Amino acid sequence: MFQKLRFSEQKNRQMNENIKTHYNYPEIINKLEAKGIELYGNHFKIQEADYQIVYKLIAYFLKDEPTCFQYNINLNKGILLSGPIGCGKTSLMNLMKYLAQTENKFSVKPCRDISFEFIQDGYEIIHRYSKGKLYQAEPRTYCFDDLGTENNLKYYGNECNVMAEIILSRYDLFIAKKLQTHITTNLSASEIEKNYGNRVRSRLRELCNLIAFDNVAKDKRK
């Protein structure tokens, strides 16, 4: 599931030429990079080695059906963006918020924050991030950031794997109402199974399109 592909710069250029679409992907990358500089500072840059990843994300969030078909991306599913620590997953998903069409807007929510909210508010948190609040004005679509950084927590002595429960609840809503879920993680498929169980791993496969950085992608924070 989590097989990763490496693309040389030459293949990236060939990829640019082979995309059959009316969108100008290099121009969109330039605009995203400008937004990234605005958000993160002058050091921000979208590396050419990452274009394969970024093109897939652009195609998905612009709902560019021909390009998504080329990349075998299912527009009904969400995105599971995986890769090593510091490769740029969170910043890319934050940038994609500016491409997403109104009906596909989403909020980025760190999984660690959800675990801290669980300590305070208990099981209501699972409901909040699956079914949502009544008359909720915020987007119901979430990107759960850094899956695996949260801990199993206890609420009044009862231990709960909060994110596992949220994912399973959102899977039910995906089946019933096509509610999408996006996730970033540095966990491998086997690590996801170890942390959350085989059922969650299986549901994620049905819930999300996997887009994966190479496992040796460099840490851009350095």
N, C-alpha and C. Protein backbone atom coordinates (compact mmCIF):
# COMPACT_ATOMS: atom_id res chain seq x y z
N MET A 1 0.83 -1.20 0.00
CA MET A 1 0.00 0.00 0.00
C MET A 1 0.87 1.26 0.00
N PHE A 2 1.96 1.19 0.77
CA PHE A 2 2.76 2.39 0.95
C PHE A 2 4.03 2.34 0.12
N GLN A 3 3.97 1.67 -1.03
CA GLN A 3 5.14 1.64 -1.91
C GLN A 3 5.42 3.05 -2.43
N LYS A 4 6.67 3.45 -2.41
CA LYS A 4 7.03 4.82 -2.79
C LYS A 4 7.86 4.80 -4.06
N LEU A 5 7.64 5.76 -4.92
CA LEU A 5 8.33 5.86 -6.19
C LEU A 5 9.27 7.04 -6.19
N ARG A 6 10.44 6.86 -6.78
CA ARG A 6 11.38 7.96 -6.89
C ARG A 6 11.39 8.45 -8.33
N PHE A 7 11.39 9.75 -8.51
CA PHE A 7 11.37 10.36 -9.83
C PHE A 7 12.55 11.31 -9.96
N SER A 8 13.33 11.14 -11.01
CA SER A 8 14.45 12.04 -11.27
C SER A 8 13.91 13.34 -11.85
N GLU A 9 14.76 14.36 -11.94
CA GLU A 9 14.34 15.63 -12.50
C GLU A 9 13.89 15.45 -13.95
N GLN A 10 14.57 14.57 -14.67
CA GLN A 10 14.19 14.34 -16.07
C GLN A 10 12.77 13.78 -16.15
N LYS A 11 12.45 12.85 -15.27
CA LYS A 11 11.11 12.28 -15.27
C LYS A 11 10.08 13.33 -14.87
N ASN A 12 10.47 14.22 -13.97
CA ASN A 12 9.55 15.30 -13.60
C ASN A 12 9.22 16.17 -14.80
N ARG A 13 10.25 16.48 -15.60
CA ARG A 13 10.01 17.31 -16.79
C ARG A 13 9.13 16.56 -17.79
N GLN A 14 9.38 15.26 -17.95
CA GLN A 14 8.53 14.47 -18.85
C GLN A 14 7.09 14.45 -18.35
N MET A 15 6.94 14.36 -17.05
CA MET A 15 5.62 14.34 -16.45
C MET A 15 4.88 15.64 -16.76
N ASN A 16 5.59 16.78 -16.63
CA ASN A 16 4.98 18.07 -16.94
C ASN A 16 4.41 18.08 -18.34
N GLU A 17 5.19 17.52 -19.28
CA GLU A 17 4.79 17.53 -20.68
C GLU A 17 3.65 16.57 -20.97
N ASN A 18 3.56 15.49 -20.16
CA ASN A 18 2.59 14.44 -20.45
C ASN A 18 1.20 14.70 -19.87
N ILE A 19 1.10 15.65 -18.94
CA ILE A 19 -0.21 15.93 -18.33
C ILE A 19 -1.13 16.57 -19.37
N LYS A 20 -2.26 15.93 -19.60
CA LYS A 20 -3.24 16.42 -20.56
C LYS A 20 -4.32 17.17 -19.81
N THR A 21 -4.20 18.49 -19.73
CA THR A 21 -5.14 19.28 -18.95
C THR A 21 -5.14 20.72 -19.44
N HIS A 22 -6.23 21.44 -19.14
CA HIS A 22 -6.28 22.85 -19.52
C HIS A 22 -5.69 23.73 -18.43
N TYR A 23 -5.30 23.14 -17.28
CA TYR A 23 -4.65 23.91 -16.22
C TYR A 23 -3.15 24.02 -16.49
N ASN A 24 -2.60 25.16 -16.11
CA ASN A 24 -1.16 25.38 -16.24
C ASN A 24 -0.50 25.03 -14.90
N TYR A 25 -0.04 23.80 -14.79
CA TYR A 25 0.48 23.33 -13.51
C TYR A 25 1.74 24.06 -13.06
N PRO A 26 2.72 24.31 -13.92
CA PRO A 26 3.90 25.09 -13.48
C PRO A 26 3.52 26.47 -12.94
N GLU A 27 2.53 27.12 -13.57
CA GLU A 27 2.09 28.43 -13.10
C GLU A 27 1.41 28.31 -11.73
N ILE A 28 0.63 27.25 -11.54
CA ILE A 28 -0.03 27.04 -10.25
C ILE A 28 1.01 26.81 -9.17
N ILE A 29 2.06 26.04 -9.48
CA ILE A 29 3.13 25.81 -8.51
C ILE A 29 3.80 27.13 -8.13
N ASN A 30 4.02 28.00 -9.11
CA ASN A 30 4.61 29.31 -8.82
C ASN A 30 3.73 30.11 -7.86
N LYS A 31 2.42 30.07 -8.08
CA LYS A 31 1.50 30.80 -7.22
C LYS A 31 1.46 30.19 -5.81
N LEU A 32 1.51 28.87 -5.74
CA LEU A 32 1.54 28.21 -4.43
C LEU A 32 2.83 28.54 -3.69
N GLU A 33 3.92 28.60 -4.43
CA GLU A 33 5.21 28.94 -3.81
C GLU A 33 5.18 30.37 -3.26
N ALA A 34 4.56 31.28 -4.02
CA ALA A 34 4.43 32.66 -3.55
C ALA A 34 3.59 32.71 -2.28
N LYS A 35 2.51 31.92 -2.24
CA LYS A 35 1.68 31.87 -1.04
C LYS A 35 2.46 31.26 0.13
N GLY A 36 3.27 30.25 -0.18
CA GLY A 36 4.09 29.62 0.84
C GLY A 36 5.09 30.59 1.45
N ILE A 37 5.68 31.44 0.61
CA ILE A 37 6.61 32.47 1.11
C ILE A 37 5.87 33.44 2.02
N GLU A 38 4.64 33.79 1.62
CA GLU A 38 3.82 34.69 2.45
C GLU A 38 3.51 34.07 3.81
N LEU A 39 3.25 32.76 3.82
CA LEU A 39 2.87 32.09 5.06
C LEU A 39 4.06 31.69 5.91
N TYR A 40 5.14 31.22 5.26
CA TYR A 40 6.22 30.58 6.00
C TYR A 40 7.56 31.31 5.93
N GLY A 41 7.65 32.33 5.08
CA GLY A 41 8.90 33.08 5.00
C GLY A 41 9.64 32.86 3.69
N ASN A 42 10.67 33.66 3.47
CA ASN A 42 11.39 33.66 2.19
C ASN A 42 12.13 32.36 1.89
N HIS A 43 12.34 31.55 2.91
CA HIS A 43 13.07 30.29 2.69
C HIS A 43 12.18 29.23 2.02
N PHE A 44 10.86 29.48 1.98
CA PHE A 44 9.95 28.45 1.46
C PHE A 44 10.16 28.24 -0.03
N LYS A 45 10.24 26.98 -0.44
CA LYS A 45 10.38 26.65 -1.85
C LYS A 45 9.79 25.26 -2.09
N ILE A 46 9.06 25.12 -3.18
CA ILE A 46 8.58 23.80 -3.59
C ILE A 46 9.68 23.17 -4.44
N GLN A 47 10.27 22.10 -3.93
CA GLN A 47 11.40 21.47 -4.60
C GLN A 47 10.93 20.72 -5.85
N GLU A 48 11.76 20.77 -6.89
CA GLU A 48 11.40 20.07 -8.13
C GLU A 48 11.24 18.57 -7.89
N ALA A 49 12.00 18.03 -6.95
CA ALA A 49 11.89 16.60 -6.63
C ALA A 49 10.51 16.25 -6.09
N ASP A 50 9.78 17.26 -5.59
CA ASP A 50 8.45 17.03 -5.02
C ASP A 50 7.31 17.32 -6.00
N TYR A 51 7.64 17.71 -7.22
CA TYR A 51 6.59 18.08 -8.17
C TYR A 51 5.58 16.96 -8.39
N GLN A 52 6.03 15.72 -8.41
CA GLN A 52 5.11 14.60 -8.61
C GLN A 52 4.03 14.59 -7.55
N ILE A 53 4.45 14.81 -6.30
CA ILE A 53 3.50 14.86 -5.19
C ILE A 53 2.57 16.06 -5.34
N VAL A 54 3.15 17.23 -5.62
CA VAL A 54 2.38 18.47 -5.67
C VAL A 54 1.40 18.45 -6.83
N TYR A 55 1.80 17.90 -7.97
CA TYR A 55 0.89 17.82 -9.12
C TYR A 55 -0.33 16.97 -8.79
N LYS A 56 -0.11 15.88 -8.06
CA LYS A 56 -1.25 15.03 -7.67
C LYS A 56 -2.20 15.79 -6.75
N LEU A 57 -1.64 16.53 -5.80
CA LEU A 57 -2.47 17.31 -4.89
C LEU A 57 -3.23 18.41 -5.63
N ILE A 58 -2.55 19.09 -6.54
CA ILE A 58 -3.21 20.13 -7.33
C ILE A 58 -4.36 19.53 -8.12
N ALA A 59 -4.09 18.42 -8.80
CA ALA A 59 -5.13 17.78 -9.61
C ALA A 59 -6.34 17.42 -8.76
N TYR A 60 -6.08 16.91 -7.57
CA TYR A 60 -7.17 16.49 -6.69
C TYR A 60 -7.98 17.70 -6.23
N PHE A 61 -7.32 18.73 -5.73
CA PHE A 61 -8.07 19.84 -5.13
C PHE A 61 -8.68 20.78 -6.16
N LEU A 62 -8.20 20.74 -7.39
CA LEU A 62 -8.86 21.47 -8.48
C LEU A 62 -9.93 20.61 -9.15
N LYS A 63 -10.03 19.36 -8.71
CA LYS A 63 -10.98 18.41 -9.30
C LYS A 63 -10.75 18.30 -10.82
N ASP A 64 -9.48 18.22 -11.19
CA ASP A 64 -9.06 18.07 -12.59
C ASP A 64 -9.19 16.58 -12.96
N GLU A 65 -10.37 16.22 -13.46
CA GLU A 65 -10.69 14.81 -13.67
C GLU A 65 -9.74 14.08 -14.62
N PRO A 66 -9.38 14.65 -15.80
CA PRO A 66 -8.47 13.92 -16.68
C PRO A 66 -7.11 13.63 -16.03
N THR A 67 -6.57 14.61 -15.29
CA THR A 67 -5.27 14.40 -14.64
C THR A 67 -5.40 13.41 -13.50
N CYS A 68 -6.48 13.50 -12.73
CA CYS A 68 -6.70 12.53 -11.66
C CYS A 68 -6.83 11.11 -12.21
N PHE A 69 -7.46 10.99 -13.36
CA PHE A 69 -7.57 9.69 -14.01
C PHE A 69 -6.19 9.15 -14.37
N GLN A 70 -5.31 10.04 -14.89
CA GLN A 70 -3.95 9.64 -15.22
C GLN A 70 -3.20 9.15 -13.98
N TYR A 71 -3.44 9.79 -12.87
CA TYR A 71 -2.74 9.46 -11.63
C TYR A 71 -3.47 8.40 -10.81
N ASN A 72 -4.60 7.90 -11.32
CA ASN A 72 -5.40 6.90 -10.60
C ASN A 72 -5.87 7.42 -9.24
N ILE A 73 -6.32 8.68 -9.23
CA ILE A 73 -6.84 9.31 -8.03
C ILE A 73 -8.36 9.32 -8.09
N ASN A 74 -8.98 8.83 -7.04
CA ASN A 74 -10.44 8.78 -6.93
C ASN A 74 -10.93 10.06 -6.26
N LEU A 75 -11.66 10.89 -6.98
CA LEU A 75 -12.10 12.18 -6.45
C LEU A 75 -13.16 12.05 -5.35
N ASN A 76 -13.73 10.88 -5.20
CA ASN A 76 -14.71 10.69 -4.12
C ASN A 76 -14.03 10.46 -2.77
N LYS A 77 -12.80 10.00 -2.81
CA LYS A 77 -12.05 9.73 -1.58
C LYS A 77 -11.32 10.98 -1.11
N GLY A 78 -10.79 10.91 0.12
CA GLY A 78 -9.92 11.96 0.63
C GLY A 78 -8.47 11.68 0.25
N ILE A 79 -7.55 12.37 0.92
CA ILE A 79 -6.11 12.25 0.68
C ILE A 79 -5.42 11.74 1.95
N LEU A 80 -4.57 10.75 1.80
CA LEU A 80 -3.66 10.34 2.86
C LEU A 80 -2.25 10.65 2.37
N LEU A 81 -1.67 11.71 2.92
CA LEU A 81 -0.35 12.17 2.50
C LEU A 81 0.68 11.67 3.51
N SER A 82 1.54 10.78 3.05
CA SER A 82 2.51 10.17 3.97
C SER A 82 3.93 10.52 3.56
N GLY A 83 4.83 10.50 4.53
CA GLY A 83 6.23 10.78 4.25
C GLY A 83 7.00 11.02 5.52
N PRO A 84 8.32 11.07 5.43
CA PRO A 84 9.16 11.25 6.62
C PRO A 84 8.91 12.58 7.31
N ILE A 85 9.36 12.68 8.56
CA ILE A 85 9.24 13.91 9.33
C ILE A 85 9.96 15.04 8.61
N GLY A 86 9.28 16.18 8.48
CA GLY A 86 9.91 17.37 7.92
C GLY A 86 9.93 17.47 6.41
N CYS A 87 9.24 16.56 5.71
CA CYS A 87 9.28 16.58 4.24
C CYS A 87 8.32 17.62 3.65
N GLY A 88 7.44 18.21 4.47
CA GLY A 88 6.59 19.29 3.99
C GLY A 88 5.11 18.95 3.85
N LYS A 89 4.68 17.85 4.47
CA LYS A 89 3.29 17.42 4.34
C LYS A 89 2.30 18.47 4.84
N THR A 90 2.54 18.98 6.03
CA THR A 90 1.60 19.93 6.64
C THR A 90 1.53 21.22 5.84
N SER A 91 2.68 21.76 5.45
CA SER A 91 2.68 23.02 4.71
C SER A 91 1.99 22.85 3.36
N LEU A 92 2.16 21.71 2.70
CA LEU A 92 1.49 21.49 1.42
C LEU A 92 -0.03 21.42 1.60
N MET A 93 -0.49 20.73 2.63
CA MET A 93 -1.94 20.65 2.85
C MET A 93 -2.51 22.02 3.22
N ASN A 94 -1.75 22.80 3.96
CA ASN A 94 -2.21 24.16 4.26
C ASN A 94 -2.32 24.99 2.99
N LEU A 95 -1.40 24.80 2.06
CA LEU A 95 -1.47 25.52 0.78
C LEU A 95 -2.65 25.06 -0.06
N MET A 96 -2.98 23.77 0.03
CA MET A 96 -4.08 23.24 -0.77
C MET A 96 -5.43 23.83 -0.37
N LYS A 97 -5.51 24.37 0.84
CA LYS A 97 -6.76 25.03 1.26
C LYS A 97 -7.10 26.18 0.33
N TYR A 98 -6.08 26.79 -0.28
CA TYR A 98 -6.30 27.94 -1.16
C TYR A 98 -6.69 27.51 -2.58
N LEU A 99 -6.55 26.22 -2.87
CA LEU A 99 -6.98 25.70 -4.18
C LEU A 99 -8.37 25.08 -4.11
N ALA A 100 -8.73 24.57 -2.95
CA ALA A 100 -9.98 23.82 -2.81
C ALA A 100 -11.18 24.70 -3.13
N GLN A 101 -12.09 24.16 -3.90
CA GLN A 101 -13.32 24.86 -4.23
C GLN A 101 -14.21 24.96 -2.99
N THR A 102 -15.14 25.89 -3.02
CA THR A 102 -15.95 26.20 -1.83
C THR A 102 -16.55 24.96 -1.20
N GLU A 103 -17.11 24.08 -2.01
CA GLU A 103 -17.78 22.90 -1.45
C GLU A 103 -16.79 21.87 -0.93
N ASN A 104 -15.49 22.08 -1.22
CA ASN A 104 -14.47 21.12 -0.78
C ASN A 104 -13.49 21.73 0.23
N LYS A 105 -13.87 22.87 0.82
CA LYS A 105 -13.00 23.51 1.81
C LYS A 105 -12.80 22.58 3.00
N PHE A 106 -11.65 22.68 3.63
CA PHE A 106 -11.36 21.82 4.78
C PHE A 106 -10.52 22.57 5.80
N SER A 107 -10.53 22.07 7.03
CA SER A 107 -9.71 22.61 8.10
C SER A 107 -8.60 21.63 8.44
N VAL A 108 -7.41 22.15 8.74
CA VAL A 108 -6.30 21.30 9.17
C VAL A 108 -6.29 21.27 10.69
N LYS A 109 -6.35 20.06 11.25
CA LYS A 109 -6.41 19.91 12.71
C LYS A 109 -5.33 18.94 13.18
N PRO A 110 -4.37 19.41 13.98
CA PRO A 110 -3.33 18.50 14.50
C PRO A 110 -3.92 17.42 15.39
N CYS A 111 -3.49 16.19 15.18
CA CYS A 111 -4.02 15.09 15.99
C CYS A 111 -3.67 15.26 17.47
N ARG A 112 -2.52 15.85 17.75
CA ARG A 112 -2.14 16.07 19.15
C ARG A 112 -3.12 17.02 19.83
N ASP A 113 -3.60 18.03 19.11
CA ASP A 113 -4.58 18.95 19.68
C ASP A 113 -5.87 18.22 20.02
N ILE A 114 -6.26 17.30 19.14
CA ILE A 114 -7.49 16.53 19.39
C ILE A 114 -7.34 15.69 20.66
N SER A 115 -6.15 15.10 20.84
CA SER A 115 -5.94 14.29 22.04
C SER A 115 -6.01 15.15 23.30
N PHE A 116 -5.50 16.38 23.24
CA PHE A 116 -5.59 17.27 24.40
C PHE A 116 -7.04 17.69 24.66
N GLU A 117 -7.81 17.90 23.59
CA GLU A 117 -9.22 18.23 23.74
C GLU A 117 -9.99 17.08 24.39
N PHE A 118 -9.56 15.85 24.06
CA PHE A 118 -10.21 14.68 24.64
C PHE A 118 -10.01 14.64 26.15
N ILE A 119 -8.81 15.02 26.61
CA ILE A 119 -8.54 15.06 28.06
C ILE A 119 -9.54 15.99 28.74
N GLN A 120 -9.85 17.10 28.07
CA GLN A 120 -10.73 18.11 28.67
C GLN A 120 -12.20 17.77 28.52
N ASP A 121 -12.59 17.34 27.31
CA ASP A 121 -14.02 17.21 27.00
C ASP A 121 -14.51 15.77 26.84
N GLY A 122 -13.59 14.81 26.83
CA GLY A 122 -14.00 13.41 26.77
C GLY A 122 -14.57 12.98 25.43
N TYR A 123 -15.53 12.05 25.48
CA TYR A 123 -15.99 11.37 24.27
C TYR A 123 -16.77 12.27 23.32
N GLU A 124 -17.17 13.43 23.80
CA GLU A 124 -17.84 14.40 22.91
C GLU A 124 -16.92 14.79 21.76
N ILE A 125 -15.60 14.68 21.97
CA ILE A 125 -14.62 15.04 20.94
C ILE A 125 -14.76 14.13 19.71
N ILE A 126 -15.00 12.85 19.95
CA ILE A 126 -15.17 11.91 18.84
C ILE A 126 -16.36 12.33 17.99
N HIS A 127 -17.42 12.73 18.64
CA HIS A 127 -18.62 13.21 17.94
C HIS A 127 -18.31 14.51 17.19
N ARG A 128 -17.55 15.41 17.83
CA ARG A 128 -17.25 16.71 17.25
C ARG A 128 -16.52 16.58 15.91
N TYR A 129 -15.59 15.64 15.82
CA TYR A 129 -14.78 15.52 14.61
C TYR A 129 -15.28 14.44 13.66
N SER A 130 -16.45 13.91 13.95
CA SER A 130 -17.07 13.00 12.99
C SER A 130 -18.40 13.57 12.53
N LYS A 131 -19.38 13.53 13.41
CA LYS A 131 -20.70 14.05 13.03
C LYS A 131 -20.78 15.57 13.11
N GLY A 132 -19.92 16.20 13.91
CA GLY A 132 -19.91 17.65 14.00
C GLY A 132 -20.96 18.19 14.95
N LYS A 133 -20.90 19.49 15.15
CA LYS A 133 -21.88 20.15 16.01
C LYS A 133 -23.11 20.56 15.20
N LEU A 134 -24.22 20.62 15.87
CA LEU A 134 -25.44 21.08 15.22
C LEU A 134 -25.27 22.53 14.78
N TYR A 135 -25.70 22.83 13.55
CA TYR A 135 -25.60 24.18 12.97
C TYR A 135 -24.14 24.67 12.89
N GLN A 136 -23.24 23.73 12.76
CA GLN A 136 -21.82 24.08 12.71
C GLN A 136 -21.51 24.85 11.44
N ALA A 137 -20.84 25.99 11.58
CA ALA A 137 -20.51 26.82 10.43
C ALA A 137 -19.18 26.41 9.81
N GLU A 138 -18.31 25.77 10.60
CA GLU A 138 -17.00 25.37 10.10
C GLU A 138 -17.14 24.25 9.08
N PRO A 139 -16.12 24.09 8.22
CA PRO A 139 -16.15 22.97 7.27
C PRO A 139 -16.20 21.64 8.01
N ARG A 140 -16.98 20.73 7.50
CA ARG A 140 -17.07 19.42 8.11
C ARG A 140 -15.94 18.51 7.62
N THR A 141 -15.28 18.91 6.55
CA THR A 141 -14.15 18.14 6.05
C THR A 141 -12.89 18.58 6.78
N TYR A 142 -12.16 17.60 7.33
CA TYR A 142 -10.95 17.89 8.07
C TYR A 142 -9.75 17.22 7.42
N CYS A 143 -8.58 17.84 7.64
CA CYS A 143 -7.31 17.17 7.42
C CYS A 143 -6.73 16.94 8.81
N PHE A 144 -6.65 15.68 9.21
CA PHE A 144 -6.07 15.35 10.51
C PHE A 144 -4.56 15.25 10.33
N ASP A 145 -3.86 16.21 10.94
CA ASP A 145 -2.44 16.38 10.69
C ASP A 145 -1.58 15.59 11.67
N ASP A 146 -0.60 14.90 11.12
CA ASP A 146 0.38 14.14 11.92
C ASP A 146 -0.27 13.01 12.71
N LEU A 147 -1.01 12.18 12.01
CA LEU A 147 -1.58 10.98 12.64
C LEU A 147 -0.43 10.14 13.20
N GLY A 148 -0.53 9.79 14.47
CA GLY A 148 0.52 9.00 15.11
C GLY A 148 1.29 9.77 16.16
N THR A 149 1.11 11.10 16.19
CA THR A 149 1.82 11.91 17.20
C THR A 149 1.00 12.04 18.48
N GLU A 150 -0.27 11.66 18.42
CA GLU A 150 -1.11 11.72 19.62
C GLU A 150 -0.89 10.43 20.44
N ASN A 151 -1.34 10.43 21.67
CA ASN A 151 -1.21 9.26 22.54
C ASN A 151 -2.59 8.72 22.89
N ASN A 152 -2.60 7.41 23.21
CA ASN A 152 -3.83 6.88 23.80
C ASN A 152 -4.03 7.55 25.15
N LEU A 153 -5.22 8.04 25.40
CA LEU A 153 -5.45 8.83 26.61
C LEU A 153 -6.60 8.25 27.43
N LYS A 154 -6.60 8.61 28.70
CA LYS A 154 -7.66 8.16 29.58
C LYS A 154 -8.58 9.31 29.95
N TYR A 155 -9.86 9.02 29.97
CA TYR A 155 -10.86 9.99 30.40
C TYR A 155 -11.66 9.32 31.51
N TYR A 156 -11.51 9.83 32.73
CA TYR A 156 -12.11 9.22 33.90
C TYR A 156 -11.76 7.72 34.00
N GLY A 157 -10.48 7.43 33.72
CA GLY A 157 -9.97 6.07 33.89
C GLY A 157 -10.17 5.16 32.70
N ASN A 158 -10.92 5.59 31.71
CA ASN A 158 -11.16 4.76 30.52
C ASN A 158 -10.22 5.16 29.39
N GLU A 159 -9.41 4.20 28.94
CA GLU A 159 -8.47 4.49 27.87
C GLU A 159 -9.18 4.47 26.52
N CYS A 160 -8.79 5.39 25.65
CA CYS A 160 -9.46 5.49 24.34
C CYS A 160 -8.44 5.83 23.27
N ASN A 161 -8.48 5.10 22.16
CA ASN A 161 -7.69 5.45 20.99
C ASN A 161 -8.53 6.43 20.17
N VAL A 162 -8.37 7.70 20.48
CA VAL A 162 -9.29 8.73 19.99
C VAL A 162 -9.32 8.78 18.47
N MET A 163 -8.15 8.83 17.84
CA MET A 163 -8.12 8.97 16.38
C MET A 163 -8.67 7.73 15.67
N ALA A 164 -8.45 6.57 16.25
CA ALA A 164 -9.03 5.35 15.66
C ALA A 164 -10.55 5.45 15.64
N GLU A 165 -11.12 5.90 16.74
CA GLU A 165 -12.58 6.03 16.83
C GLU A 165 -13.10 7.09 15.85
N ILE A 166 -12.38 8.20 15.73
CA ILE A 166 -12.80 9.26 14.80
C ILE A 166 -12.74 8.76 13.37
N ILE A 167 -11.66 8.06 13.01
CA ILE A 167 -11.51 7.54 11.64
C ILE A 167 -12.63 6.56 11.32
N LEU A 168 -12.94 5.66 12.25
CA LEU A 168 -14.00 4.68 12.01
C LEU A 168 -15.36 5.36 11.87
N SER A 169 -15.60 6.39 12.69
CA SER A 169 -16.86 7.14 12.58
C SER A 169 -16.95 7.87 11.25
N ARG A 170 -15.84 8.47 10.83
CA ARG A 170 -15.85 9.21 9.57
C ARG A 170 -15.95 8.26 8.38
N TYR A 171 -15.44 7.07 8.51
CA TYR A 171 -15.62 6.08 7.44
C TYR A 171 -17.11 5.78 7.25
N ASP A 172 -17.83 5.61 8.36
CA ASP A 172 -19.28 5.36 8.25
C ASP A 172 -19.98 6.52 7.55
N LEU A 173 -19.55 7.75 7.85
CA LEU A 173 -20.14 8.93 7.20
C LEU A 173 -19.73 9.03 5.74
N PHE A 174 -18.53 8.57 5.43
CA PHE A 174 -18.09 8.52 4.03
C PHE A 174 -18.98 7.58 3.22
N ILE A 175 -19.28 6.43 3.77
CA ILE A 175 -20.15 5.47 3.10
C ILE A 175 -21.57 6.01 2.97
N ALA A 176 -22.07 6.64 4.03
CA ALA A 176 -23.46 7.10 4.05
C ALA A 176 -23.66 8.42 3.32
N LYS A 177 -22.70 9.35 3.48
CA LYS A 177 -22.92 10.72 3.00
C LYS A 177 -21.76 11.27 2.16
N LYS A 178 -20.78 10.41 1.82
CA LYS A 178 -19.63 10.83 1.00
C LYS A 178 -18.78 11.91 1.67
N LEU A 179 -18.80 11.97 3.01
CA LEU A 179 -17.99 12.94 3.74
C LEU A 179 -16.51 12.55 3.61
N GLN A 180 -15.70 13.49 3.15
CA GLN A 180 -14.28 13.20 2.90
C GLN A 180 -13.42 13.50 4.13
N THR A 181 -12.31 12.79 4.22
CA THR A 181 -11.33 12.97 5.29
C THR A 181 -9.94 12.98 4.67
N HIS A 182 -9.12 13.94 5.07
CA HIS A 182 -7.72 13.99 4.66
C HIS A 182 -6.85 13.76 5.89
N ILE A 183 -5.68 13.17 5.66
CA ILE A 183 -4.79 12.83 6.76
C ILE A 183 -3.34 13.00 6.32
N THR A 184 -2.49 13.51 7.21
CA THR A 184 -1.04 13.44 6.98
C THR A 184 -0.45 12.56 8.07
N THR A 185 0.62 11.83 7.72
CA THR A 185 1.26 10.95 8.70
C THR A 185 2.66 10.60 8.25
N ASN A 186 3.53 10.29 9.21
CA ASN A 186 4.83 9.73 8.87
C ASN A 186 4.88 8.24 9.18
N LEU A 187 3.73 7.66 9.47
CA LEU A 187 3.65 6.23 9.76
C LEU A 187 3.57 5.42 8.47
N SER A 188 4.16 4.25 8.49
CA SER A 188 4.01 3.29 7.39
C SER A 188 2.70 2.53 7.59
N ALA A 189 2.34 1.72 6.60
CA ALA A 189 1.10 0.94 6.71
C ALA A 189 1.16 -0.01 7.89
N SER A 190 2.31 -0.66 8.09
CA SER A 190 2.43 -1.60 9.21
C SER A 190 2.38 -0.87 10.55
N GLU A 191 2.93 0.35 10.60
CA GLU A 191 2.87 1.14 11.84
C GLU A 191 1.45 1.60 12.13
N ILE A 192 0.71 1.95 11.07
CA ILE A 192 -0.70 2.32 11.26
C ILE A 192 -1.47 1.13 11.84
N GLU A 193 -1.21 -0.05 11.30
CA GLU A 193 -1.90 -1.23 11.81
C GLU A 193 -1.53 -1.51 13.27
N LYS A 194 -0.25 -1.34 13.59
CA LYS A 194 0.21 -1.57 14.97
C LYS A 194 -0.45 -0.59 15.94
N ASN A 195 -0.53 0.69 15.53
CA ASN A 195 -1.06 1.74 16.42
C ASN A 195 -2.58 1.75 16.50
N TYR A 196 -3.24 1.41 15.37
CA TYR A 196 -4.69 1.62 15.32
C TYR A 196 -5.49 0.35 14.99
N GLY A 197 -4.78 -0.71 14.61
CA GLY A 197 -5.47 -1.96 14.31
C GLY A 197 -5.71 -2.17 12.82
N ASN A 198 -5.92 -3.41 12.44
CA ASN A 198 -6.11 -3.76 11.04
C ASN A 198 -7.37 -3.14 10.46
N ARG A 199 -8.40 -3.00 11.29
CA ARG A 199 -9.67 -2.44 10.80
C ARG A 199 -9.48 -1.00 10.34
N VAL A 200 -8.75 -0.18 11.12
CA VAL A 200 -8.50 1.20 10.73
C VAL A 200 -7.65 1.26 9.47
N ARG A 201 -6.61 0.41 9.40
CA ARG A 201 -5.77 0.39 8.19
C ARG A 201 -6.62 0.07 6.96
N SER A 202 -7.52 -0.91 7.09
CA SER A 202 -8.38 -1.28 5.98
C SER A 202 -9.33 -0.15 5.60
N ARG A 203 -9.90 0.52 6.60
CA ARG A 203 -10.82 1.62 6.34
C ARG A 203 -10.10 2.79 5.67
N LEU A 204 -8.88 3.07 6.08
CA LEU A 204 -8.12 4.16 5.46
C LEU A 204 -7.88 3.88 3.99
N ARG A 205 -7.67 2.63 3.65
CA ARG A 205 -7.46 2.28 2.25
C ARG A 205 -8.70 2.61 1.42
N GLU A 206 -9.87 2.43 2.00
CA GLU A 206 -11.12 2.73 1.31
C GLU A 206 -11.46 4.22 1.37
N LEU A 207 -10.99 4.88 2.42
CA LEU A 207 -11.37 6.27 2.70
C LEU A 207 -10.52 7.27 1.93
N CYS A 208 -9.26 6.92 1.64
CA CYS A 208 -8.30 7.91 1.13
C CYS A 208 -7.50 7.40 -0.06
N ASN A 209 -7.10 8.36 -0.91
CA ASN A 209 -6.07 8.12 -1.91
C ASN A 209 -4.71 8.28 -1.24
N LEU A 210 -3.83 7.30 -1.40
CA LEU A 210 -2.49 7.43 -0.85
C LEU A 210 -1.60 8.24 -1.79
N ILE A 211 -0.99 9.29 -1.26
CA ILE A 211 0.04 10.05 -1.97
C ILE A 211 1.25 10.05 -1.04
N ALA A 212 2.35 9.47 -1.50
CA ALA A 212 3.47 9.22 -0.59
C ALA A 212 4.77 9.84 -1.08
N PHE A 213 5.43 10.56 -0.18
CA PHE A 213 6.80 10.99 -0.43
C PHE A 213 7.71 9.78 -0.39
N ASP A 214 8.88 9.89 -1.04
CA ASP A 214 9.89 8.87 -0.92
C ASP A 214 10.34 8.80 0.55
N ASN A 215 10.65 7.58 1.01
CA ASN A 215 11.00 7.45 2.42
C ASN A 215 12.37 8.03 2.76
N VAL A 216 13.08 8.51 1.75
CA VAL A 216 14.35 9.20 2.03
C VAL A 216 14.24 10.69 1.68
N ALA A 217 13.02 11.18 1.53
CA ALA A 217 12.84 12.62 1.27
C ALA A 217 13.49 13.42 2.39
N LYS A 218 14.21 14.48 2.00
CA LYS A 218 15.00 15.21 3.00
C LYS A 218 14.12 16.06 3.91
N ASP A 219 14.65 16.30 5.10
CA ASP A 219 13.98 17.14 6.09
C ASP A 219 14.20 18.60 5.70
N LYS A 220 13.12 19.26 5.29
CA LYS A 220 13.22 20.64 4.79
C LYS A 220 13.32 21.66 5.92
N ARG A 221 13.22 21.22 7.15
CA ARG A 221 13.35 22.14 8.27
C ARG A 221 14.81 22.47 8.56
N LYS A 222 15.71 21.68 8.00
CA LYS A 222 17.14 21.88 8.29
C LYS A 222 17.76 22.89 7.33
